[in-house]
Amino acid sequence: TMGFLGEPRVNVLELNLALDRQGG
């Protein structure tokens, strides 16, 4: 996800996936 301001949707999706993996 290169470009936080450019693609906020993709960044949020990846953040949610990462949090879901860590949180279980």
C-alpha atoms as a PDB file:
ATOM      1  CA  THR A   1       0.000   0.000   0.000  1.00  0.00           C
ATOM      2  CA  MET A   2       2.299   2.721  -1.277  1.00  0.00           C
ATOM      3  CA  GLY A   3       0.731   6.129  -0.723  1.00  0.00           C
ATOM      4  CA  PHE A   4      -1.359   6.458   2.425  1.00  0.00           C
ATOM      5  CA  LEU A   5      -3.133   9.589   1.170  1.00  0.00           C
ATOM      6  CA  GLY A   6      -3.444   8.179  -2.338  1.00  0.00           C
ATOM      7  CA  GLU A   7      -5.145   4.895  -1.434  1.00  0.00           C
ATOM      8  CA  PRO A   8      -6.733   5.211   2.014  1.00  0.00           C
ATOM      9  CA  ARG A   9      -9.208   2.409   1.274  1.00  0.00           C
ATOM     10  CA  VAL A  10      -6.542  -0.214   0.588  1.00  0.00           C
ATOM     11  CA  ASN A  11      -4.503   0.945   3.555  1.00  0.00           C
ATOM     12  CA  VAL A  12      -7.493   0.636   5.894  1.00  0.00           C
ATOM     13  CA  LEU A  13      -8.235  -2.831   4.527  1.00  0.00           C
ATOM     14  CA  GLU A  14      -4.688  -3.988   5.198  1.00  0.00           C
ATOM     15  CA  LEU A  15      -4.745  -2.429   8.663  1.00  0.00           C
ATOM     16  CA  ASN A  16      -7.982  -4.245   9.471  1.00  0.00           C
ATOM     17  CA  LEU A  17      -6.513  -7.532   8.233  1.00  0.00           C
ATOM     18  CA  ALA A  18      -3.375  -7.047  10.327  1.00  0.00           C
ATOM     19  CA  LEU A  19      -5.393  -6.176  13.433  1.00  0.00           C
ATOM     20  CA  ASP A  20      -7.692  -9.141  12.843  1.00  0.00           C
ATOM     21  CA  ARG A  21      -4.718 -11.491  12.607  1.00  0.00           C
ATOM     22  CA  GLN A  22      -3.136 -10.133  15.791  1.00  0.00           C
ATOM     23  CA  GLY A  23      -6.392  -9.871  17.734  1.00  0.00           C
ATOM     24  CA  GLY A  24      -7.585 -13.264  16.549  1.00  0.00           C
END
